[in-house]
Amino acid sequence: MRRYRYRCDRCRRTWPDRTTQAAADLDRDHHRAAAHSGHSPHGDEVWSAAEDENTGLTRPARRLILGTLTGGTAMTAWRWLHRR
């Protein structure tokens, strides 16, 4: 059975697992109305909790790792280009 979660990165809060995406969407809608005056903050999303089970990492942790690797690669390329 698939499970879904709503996460608001701005508030740094993750809601409990839901059995349907509609239920997680409802969590999102209630939170947006209560905390963000109905607006959509950056980084809020509903995702399948099964994605976390594949890697053992949460989505925010995977984003942090990807950002670190991307930034490190960009810095290495920048240094390499400016040495020539």
PDB file of N, CA and C in Angstrom:
ATOM      1  N   MET A   1       0.843  -1.175   0.000  1.00  0.00           N
ATOM      2  CA  MET A   1       0.000   0.000   0.000  1.00  0.00           C
ATOM      3  C   MET A   1       0.893   1.244   0.000  1.00  0.00           C
ATOM      4  N   ARG A   2       0.588   2.168  -0.859  1.00  0.00           N
ATOM      5  CA  ARG A   2       1.335   3.418  -0.898  1.00  0.00           C
ATOM      6  C   ARG A   2       0.901   4.318   0.240  1.00  0.00           C
ATOM      7  N   ARG A   3       1.849   5.083   0.735  1.00  0.00           N
ATOM      8  CA  ARG A   3       1.564   6.062   1.774  1.00  0.00           C
ATOM      9  C   ARG A   3       2.044   7.416   1.268  1.00  0.00           C
ATOM     10  N   TYR A   4       1.393   8.463   1.712  1.00  0.00           N
ATOM     11  CA  TYR A   4       1.729   9.815   1.265  1.00  0.00           C
ATOM     12  C   TYR A   4       1.962  10.723   2.466  1.00  0.00           C
ATOM     13  N   ARG A   5       2.844  11.693   2.282  1.00  0.00           N
ATOM     14  CA  ARG A   5       3.152  12.656   3.342  1.00  0.00           C
ATOM     15  C   ARG A   5       3.138  14.058   2.760  1.00  0.00           C
ATOM     16  N   TYR A   6       2.755  14.992   3.613  1.00  0.00           N
ATOM     17  CA  TYR A   6       2.860  16.404   3.259  1.00  0.00           C
ATOM     18  C   TYR A   6       3.996  16.998   4.074  1.00  0.00           C
ATOM     19  N   ARG A   7       4.832  17.790   3.432  1.00  0.00           N
ATOM     20  CA  ARG A   7       5.957  18.444   4.103  1.00  0.00           C
ATOM     21  C   ARG A   7       5.977  19.907   3.716  1.00  0.00           C
ATOM     22  N   CYS A   8       6.106  20.773   4.740  1.00  0.00           N
ATOM     23  CA  CYS A   8       6.286  22.207   4.516  1.00  0.00           C
ATOM     24  C   CYS A   8       7.705  22.549   4.968  1.00  0.00           C
ATOM     25  N   ASP A   9       8.590  22.779   4.016  1.00  0.00           N
ATOM     26  CA  ASP A   9       9.982  23.095   4.346  1.00  0.00           C
ATOM     27  C   ASP A   9      10.104  24.429   5.057  1.00  0.00           C
ATOM     28  N   ARG A  10       9.221  25.354   4.735  1.00  0.00           N
ATOM     29  CA  ARG A  10       9.292  26.669   5.375  1.00  0.00           C
ATOM     30  C   ARG A  10       9.031  26.572   6.883  1.00  0.00           C
ATOM     31  N   CYS A  11       8.071  25.749   7.257  1.00  0.00           N
ATOM     32  CA  CYS A  11       7.748  25.556   8.677  1.00  0.00           C
ATOM     33  C   CYS A  11       8.568  24.427   9.299  1.00  0.00           C
ATOM     34  N   ARG A  12       9.292  23.701   8.464  1.00  0.00           N
ATOM     35  CA  ARG A  12      10.079  22.545   8.909  1.00  0.00           C
ATOM     36  C   ARG A  12       9.208  21.533   9.642  1.00  0.00           C
ATOM     37  N   ARG A  13       8.140  21.160   8.966  1.00  0.00           N
ATOM     38  CA  ARG A  13       7.168  20.257   9.580  1.00  0.00           C
ATOM     39  C   ARG A  13       6.710  19.222   8.563  1.00  0.00           C
ATOM     40  N   THR A  14       6.613  17.963   8.992  1.00  0.00           N
ATOM     41  CA  THR A  14       6.119  16.875   8.147  1.00  0.00           C
ATOM     42  C   THR A  14       4.917  16.250   8.826  1.00  0.00           C
ATOM     43  N   TRP A  15       3.853  16.040   8.071  1.00  0.00           N
ATOM     44  CA  TRP A  15       2.631  15.460   8.606  1.00  0.00           C
ATOM     45  C   TRP A  15       2.749  13.944   8.599  1.00  0.00           C
ATOM     46  N   PRO A  16       1.933  13.282   9.403  1.00  0.00           N
ATOM     47  CA  PRO A  16       1.966  11.808   9.444  1.00  0.00           C
ATOM     48  C   PRO A  16       1.575  11.194   8.094  1.00  0.00           C
ATOM     49  N   ASP A  17       1.908   9.933   7.937  1.00  0.00           N
ATOM     50  CA  ASP A  17       1.564   9.216   6.707  1.00  0.00           C
ATOM     51  C   ASP A  17       0.054   9.161   6.516  1.00  0.00           C
ATOM     52  N   ARG A  18      -0.360   9.251   5.268  1.00  0.00           N
ATOM     53  CA  ARG A  18      -1.766   9.099   4.886  1.00  0.00           C
ATOM     54  C   ARG A  18      -1.860   7.977   3.869  1.00  0.00           C
ATOM     55  N   THR A  19      -3.009   7.325   3.808  1.00  0.00           N
ATOM     56  CA  THR A  19      -3.162   6.194   2.890  1.00  0.00           C
ATOM     57  C   THR A  19      -3.519   6.628   1.473  1.00  0.00           C
ATOM     58  N   THR A  20      -3.992   7.865   1.313  1.00  0.00           N
ATOM     59  CA  THR A  20      -4.317   8.357  -0.026  1.00  0.00           C
ATOM     60  C   THR A  20      -3.672   9.724  -0.248  1.00  0.00           C
ATOM     61  N   GLN A  21      -3.430  10.026  -1.497  1.00  0.00           N
ATOM     62  CA  GLN A  21      -2.870  11.327  -1.818  1.00  0.00           C
ATOM     63  C   GLN A  21      -3.882  12.434  -1.523  1.00  0.00           C
ATOM     64  N   ALA A  22      -5.157  12.135  -1.684  1.00  0.00           N
ATOM     65  CA  ALA A  22      -6.196  13.130  -1.395  1.00  0.00           C
ATOM     66  C   ALA A  22      -6.158  13.554   0.072  1.00  0.00           C
ATOM     67  N   ALA A  23      -5.911  12.611   0.974  1.00  0.00           N
ATOM     68  CA  ALA A  23      -5.838  12.940   2.403  1.00  0.00           C
ATOM     69  C   ALA A  23      -4.618  13.821   2.685  1.00  0.00           C
ATOM     70  N   ALA A  24      -3.488  13.524   2.024  1.00  0.00           N
ATOM     71  CA  ALA A  24      -2.284  14.348   2.198  1.00  0.00           C
ATOM     72  C   ALA A  24      -2.503  15.736   1.583  1.00  0.00           C
ATOM     73  N   ASP A  25      -3.216  15.796   0.463  1.00  0.00           N
ATOM     74  CA  ASP A  25      -3.547  17.087  -0.144  1.00  0.00           C
ATOM     75  C   ASP A  25      -4.425  17.911   0.794  1.00  0.00           C
ATOM     76  N   LEU A  26      -5.313  17.255   1.506  1.00  0.00           N
ATOM     77  CA  LEU A  26      -6.172  17.937   2.469  1.00  0.00           C
ATOM     78  C   LEU A  26      -5.339  18.517   3.620  1.00  0.00           C
ATOM     79  N   ASP A  27      -4.340  17.749   4.088  1.00  0.00           N
ATOM     80  CA  ASP A  27      -3.412  18.271   5.105  1.00  0.00           C
ATOM     81  C   ASP A  27      -2.728  19.538   4.587  1.00  0.00           C
ATOM     82  N   ARG A  28      -2.271  19.487   3.329  1.00  0.00           N
ATOM     83  CA  ARG A  28      -1.610  20.634   2.714  1.00  0.00           C
ATOM     84  C   ARG A  28      -2.538  21.840   2.643  1.00  0.00           C
ATOM     85  N   ASP A  29      -3.760  21.620   2.202  1.00  0.00           N
ATOM     86  CA  ASP A  29      -4.706  22.726   2.056  1.00  0.00           C
ATOM     87  C   ASP A  29      -5.021  23.378   3.408  1.00  0.00           C
ATOM     88  N   HIS A  30      -5.222  22.553   4.437  1.00  0.00           N
ATOM     89  CA  HIS A  30      -5.502  23.092   5.772  1.00  0.00           C
ATOM     90  C   HIS A  30      -4.312  23.891   6.302  1.00  0.00           C
ATOM     91  N   HIS A  31      -3.113  23.358   6.102  1.00  0.00           N
ATOM     92  CA  HIS A  31      -1.921  24.054   6.595  1.00  0.00           C
ATOM     93  C   HIS A  31      -1.714  25.377   5.856  1.00  0.00           C
ATOM     94  N   ARG A  32      -1.863  25.354   4.546  1.00  0.00           N
ATOM     95  CA  ARG A  32      -1.706  26.602   3.776  1.00  0.00           C
ATOM     96  C   ARG A  32      -2.690  27.662   4.251  1.00  0.00           C
ATOM     97  N   ALA A  33      -3.915  27.256   4.492  1.00  0.00           N
ATOM     98  CA  ALA A  33      -4.941  28.207   4.938  1.00  0.00           C
ATOM     99  C   ALA A  33      -4.621  28.754   6.325  1.00  0.00           C
ATOM    100  N   ALA A  34      -4.178  27.887   7.227  1.00  0.00           N
ATOM    101  CA  ALA A  34      -3.947  28.308   8.606  1.00  0.00           C
ATOM    102  C   ALA A  34      -2.632  29.057   8.795  1.00  0.00           C
ATOM    103  N   ALA A  35      -1.572  28.611   8.143  1.00  0.00           N
ATOM    104  CA  ALA A  35      -0.244  29.167   8.422  1.00  0.00           C
ATOM    105  C   ALA A  35       0.266  30.143   7.369  1.00  0.00           C
ATOM    106  N   HIS A  36      -0.254  30.055   6.154  1.00  0.00           N
ATOM    107  CA  HIS A  36       0.298  30.868   5.073  1.00  0.00           C
ATOM    108  C   HIS A  36      -0.773  31.676   4.325  1.00  0.00           C
ATOM    109  N   SER A  37      -1.875  31.939   4.969  1.00  0.00           N
ATOM    110  CA  SER A  37      -2.977  32.731   4.397  1.00  0.00           C
ATOM    111  C   SER A  37      -3.434  32.209   3.040  1.00  0.00           C
ATOM    112  N   GLY A  38      -3.369  30.898   2.858  1.00  0.00           N
ATOM    113  CA  GLY A  38      -3.812  30.289   1.614  1.00  0.00           C
ATOM    114  C   GLY A  38      -2.771  30.267   0.520  1.00  0.00           C
ATOM    115  N   HIS A  39      -1.604  30.861   0.764  1.00  0.00           N
ATOM    116  CA  HIS A  39      -0.544  30.901  -0.248  1.00  0.00           C
ATOM    117  C   HIS A  39       0.278  29.621  -0.223  1.00  0.00           C
ATOM    118  N   SER A  40       0.994  29.384  -1.301  1.00  0.00           N
ATOM    119  CA  SER A  40       1.828  28.199  -1.432  1.00  0.00           C
ATOM    120  C   SER A  40       3.281  28.564  -1.133  1.00  0.00           C
ATOM    121  N   PRO A  41       3.807  28.156   0.030  1.00  0.00           N
ATOM    122  CA  PRO A  41       5.193  28.485   0.351  1.00  0.00           C
ATOM    123  C   PRO A  41       6.168  27.630  -0.460  1.00  0.00           C
ATOM    124  N   HIS A  42       7.363  28.129  -0.632  1.00  0.00           N
ATOM    125  CA  HIS A  42       8.389  27.356  -1.330  1.00  0.00           C
ATOM    126  C   HIS A  42       8.702  26.107  -0.532  1.00  0.00           C
ATOM    127  N   GLY A  43       8.822  24.987  -1.232  1.00  0.00           N
ATOM    128  CA  GLY A  43       9.239  23.752  -0.583  1.00  0.00           C
ATOM    129  C   GLY A  43       8.130  22.949   0.051  1.00  0.00           C
ATOM    130  N   ASP A  44       6.875  23.332  -0.169  1.00  0.00           N
ATOM    131  CA  ASP A  44       5.838  22.469   0.390  1.00  0.00           C
ATOM    132  C   ASP A  44       5.388  21.509  -0.699  1.00  0.00           C
ATOM    133  N   GLU A  45       5.226  20.247  -0.319  1.00  0.00           N
ATOM    134  CA  GLU A  45       4.871  19.238  -1.313  1.00  0.00           C
ATOM    135  C   GLU A  45       4.316  17.990  -0.651  1.00  0.00           C
ATOM    136  N   VAL A  46       3.614  17.223  -1.457  1.00  0.00           N
ATOM    137  CA  VAL A  46       3.122  15.919  -1.039  1.00  0.00           C
ATOM    138  C   VAL A  46       3.933  14.906  -1.822  1.00  0.00           C
ATOM    139  N   TRP A  47       4.482  13.914  -1.121  1.00  0.00           N
ATOM    140  CA  TRP A  47       5.222  12.891  -1.826  1.00  0.00           C
ATOM    141  C   TRP A  47       4.884  11.515  -1.291  1.00  0.00           C
ATOM    142  N   SER A  48       5.229  10.520  -2.074  1.00  0.00           N
ATOM    143  CA  SER A  48       4.968   9.144  -1.684  1.00  0.00           C
ATOM    144  C   SER A  48       5.993   8.731  -0.640  1.00  0.00           C
ATOM    145  N   ALA A  49       5.529   8.255   0.493  1.00  0.00           N
ATOM    146  CA  ALA A  49       6.425   7.829   1.561  1.00  0.00           C
ATOM    147  C   ALA A  49       7.221   6.602   1.146  1.00  0.00           C
ATOM    148  N   ALA A  50       6.769   5.890   0.122  1.00  0.00           N
ATOM    149  CA  ALA A  50       7.503   4.727  -0.367  1.00  0.00           C
ATOM    150  C   ALA A  50       8.865   5.141  -0.913  1.00  0.00           C
ATOM    151  N   GLU A  51       9.003   6.390  -1.380  1.00  0.00           N
ATOM    152  CA  GLU A  51      10.290   6.870  -1.873  1.00  0.00           C
ATOM    153  C   GLU A  51      11.331   6.847  -0.768  1.00  0.00           C
ATOM    154  N   ASP A  52      10.936   7.120   0.464  1.00  0.00           N
ATOM    155  CA  ASP A  52      11.867   7.110   1.586  1.00  0.00           C
ATOM    156  C   ASP A  52      12.360   5.701   1.884  1.00  0.00           C
ATOM    157  N   GLU A  53      11.516   4.711   1.651  1.00  0.00           N
ATOM    158  CA  GLU A  53      11.876   3.334   1.956  1.00  0.00           C
ATOM    159  C   GLU A  53      12.908   2.800   0.984  1.00  0.00           C
ATOM    160  N   ASN A  54      12.970   3.350  -0.223  1.00  0.00           N
ATOM    161  CA  ASN A  54      13.915   2.862  -1.223  1.00  0.00           C
ATOM    162  C   ASN A  54      15.353   3.157  -0.829  1.00  0.00           C
ATOM    163  N   THR A  55      15.626   4.319  -0.270  1.00  0.00           N
ATOM    164  CA  THR A  55      16.992   4.724   0.033  1.00  0.00           C
ATOM    165  C   THR A  55      17.284   4.777   1.522  1.00  0.00           C
ATOM    166  N   GLY A  56      16.258   4.793   2.338  1.00  0.00           N
ATOM    167  CA  GLY A  56      16.463   4.937   3.766  1.00  0.00           C
ATOM    168  C   GLY A  56      16.657   6.386   4.179  1.00  0.00           C
ATOM    169  N   LEU A  57      16.580   7.320   3.217  1.00  0.00           N
ATOM    170  CA  LEU A  57      16.752   8.744   3.499  1.00  0.00           C
ATOM    171  C   LEU A  57      15.460   9.484   3.219  1.00  0.00           C
ATOM    172  N   THR A  58      15.198  10.509   3.980  1.00  0.00           N
ATOM    173  CA  THR A  58      14.027  11.336   3.707  1.00  0.00           C
ATOM    174  C   THR A  58      14.328  12.241   2.521  1.00  0.00           C
ATOM    175  N   ARG A  59      13.310  12.800   1.947  1.00  0.00           N
ATOM    176  CA  ARG A  59      13.501  13.680   0.800  1.00  0.00           C
ATOM    177  C   ARG A  59      14.355  14.904   1.142  1.00  0.00           C
ATOM    178  N   PRO A  60      14.151  15.570   2.285  1.00  0.00           N
ATOM    179  CA  PRO A  60      15.034  16.692   2.609  1.00  0.00           C
ATOM    180  C   PRO A  60      16.504  16.277   2.750  1.00  0.00           C
ATOM    181  N   ALA A  61      16.755  15.078   3.284  1.00  0.00           N
ATOM    182  CA  ALA A  61      18.139  14.606   3.407  1.00  0.00           C
ATOM    183  C   ALA A  61      18.746  14.352   2.035  1.00  0.00           C
ATOM    184  N   ARG A  62      17.964  13.771   1.131  1.00  0.00           N
ATOM    185  CA  ARG A  62      18.476  13.546  -0.232  1.00  0.00           C
ATOM    186  C   ARG A  62      18.751  14.864  -0.936  1.00  0.00           C
ATOM    187  N   ARG A  63      17.897  15.868  -0.716  1.00  0.00           N
ATOM    188  CA  ARG A  63      18.133  17.185  -1.313  1.00  0.00           C
ATOM    189  C   ARG A  63      19.422  17.803  -0.788  1.00  0.00           C
ATOM    190  N   LEU A  64      19.686  17.664   0.501  1.00  0.00           N
ATOM    191  CA  LEU A  64      20.899  18.201   1.091  1.00  0.00           C
ATOM    192  C   LEU A  64      22.135  17.549   0.478  1.00  0.00           C
ATOM    193  N   ILE A  65      22.108  16.244   0.331  1.00  0.00           N
ATOM    194  CA  ILE A  65      23.234  15.526  -0.266  1.00  0.00           C
ATOM    195  C   ILE A  65      23.425  15.941  -1.711  1.00  0.00           C
ATOM    196  N   LEU A  66      22.354  16.009  -2.470  1.00  0.00           N
ATOM    197  CA  LEU A  66      22.444  16.411  -3.868  1.00  0.00           C
ATOM    198  C   LEU A  66      22.969  17.837  -4.000  1.00  0.00           C
ATOM    199  N   GLY A  67      22.487  18.735  -3.155  1.00  0.00           N
ATOM    200  CA  GLY A  67      22.964  20.120  -3.196  1.00  0.00           C
ATOM    201  C   GLY A  67      24.436  20.234  -2.856  1.00  0.00           C
ATOM    202  N   THR A  68      24.887  19.454  -1.877  1.00  0.00           N
ATOM    203  CA  THR A  68      26.298  19.465  -1.499  1.00  0.00           C
ATOM    204  C   THR A  68      27.161  18.952  -2.639  1.00  0.00           C
ATOM    205  N   LEU A  69      26.733  17.865  -3.267  1.00  0.00           N
ATOM    206  CA  LEU A  69      27.498  17.317  -4.396  1.00  0.00           C
ATOM    207  C   LEU A  69      27.515  18.277  -5.581  1.00  0.00           C
ATOM    208  N   THR A  70      26.384  18.898  -5.865  1.00  0.00           N
ATOM    209  CA  THR A  70      26.310  19.842  -6.977  1.00  0.00           C
ATOM    210  C   THR A  70      27.186  21.062  -6.710  1.00  0.00           C
ATOM    211  N   GLY A  71      27.106  21.588  -5.486  1.00  0.00           N
ATOM    212  CA  GLY A  71      27.928  22.749  -5.132  1.00  0.00           C
ATOM    213  C   GLY A  71      29.405  22.424  -5.170  1.00  0.00           C
ATOM    214  N   GLY A  72      29.789  21.264  -4.675  1.00  0.00           N
ATOM    215  CA  GLY A  72      31.194  20.857  -4.706  1.00  0.00           C
ATOM    216  C   GLY A  72      31.711  20.699  -6.117  1.00  0.00           C
ATOM    217  N   THR A  73      30.883  20.134  -6.988  1.00  0.00           N
ATOM    218  CA  THR A  73      31.277  19.979  -8.395  1.00  0.00           C
ATOM    219  C   THR A  73      31.434  21.343  -9.057  1.00  0.00           C
ATOM    220  N   ALA A  74      30.517  22.251  -8.792  1.00  0.00           N
ATOM    221  CA  ALA A  74      30.602  23.592  -9.377  1.00  0.00           C
ATOM    222  C   ALA A  74      31.840  24.322  -8.883  1.00  0.00           C
ATOM    223  N   MET A  75      32.159  24.207  -7.604  1.00  0.00           N
ATOM    224  CA  MET A  75      33.354  24.872  -7.076  1.00  0.00           C
ATOM    225  C   MET A  75      34.628  24.279  -7.672  1.00  0.00           C
ATOM    226  N   THR A  76      34.668  22.971  -7.835  1.00  0.00           N
ATOM    227  CA  THR A  76      35.828  22.321  -8.437  1.00  0.00           C
ATOM    228  C   THR A  76      36.003  22.768  -9.880  1.00  0.00           C
ATOM    229  N   ALA A  77      34.917  22.829 -10.634  1.00  0.00           N
ATOM    230  CA  ALA A  77      34.992  23.274 -12.027  1.00  0.00           C
ATOM    231  C   ALA A  77      35.441  24.728 -12.097  1.00  0.00           C
ATOM    232  N   TRP A  78      34.934  25.564 -11.204  1.00  0.00           N
ATOM    233  CA  TRP A  78      35.314  26.983 -11.177  1.00  0.00           C
ATOM    234  C   TRP A  78      36.820  27.139 -10.931  1.00  0.00           C
ATOM    235  N   ARG A  79      37.324  26.418  -9.958  1.00  0.00           N
ATOM    236  CA  ARG A  79      38.762  26.483  -9.652  1.00  0.00           C
ATOM    237  C   ARG A  79      39.592  25.978 -10.817  1.00  0.00           C
ATOM    238  N   TRP A  80      39.164  24.893 -11.421  1.00  0.00           N
ATOM    239  CA  TRP A  80      39.892  24.322 -12.539  1.00  0.00           C
ATOM    240  C   TRP A  80      39.948  25.299 -13.708  1.00  0.00           C
ATOM    241  N   LEU A  81      38.816  25.960 -13.991  1.00  0.00           N
ATOM    242  CA  LEU A  81      38.777  26.911 -15.099  1.00  0.00           C
ATOM    243  C   LEU A  81      39.640  28.136 -14.833  1.00  0.00           C
ATOM    244  N   HIS A  82      39.727  28.577 -13.596  1.00  0.00           N
ATOM    245  CA  HIS A  82      40.470  29.793 -13.291  1.00  0.00           C
ATOM    246  C   HIS A  82      41.966  29.551 -13.073  1.00  0.00           C
ATOM    247  N   ARG A  83      42.371  28.314 -13.032  1.00  0.00           N
ATOM    248  CA  ARG A  83      43.806  28.012 -12.940  1.00  0.00           C
ATOM    249  C   ARG A  83      44.462  28.062 -14.308  1.00  0.00           C
ATOM    250  N   ARG A  84      43.703  27.981 -15.347  1.00  0.00           N
ATOM    251  CA  ARG A  84      44.258  27.941 -16.704  1.00  0.00           C
ATOM    252  C   ARG A  84      44.423  29.316 -17.254  1.00  0.00           C
TER     253      ARG A  84
END
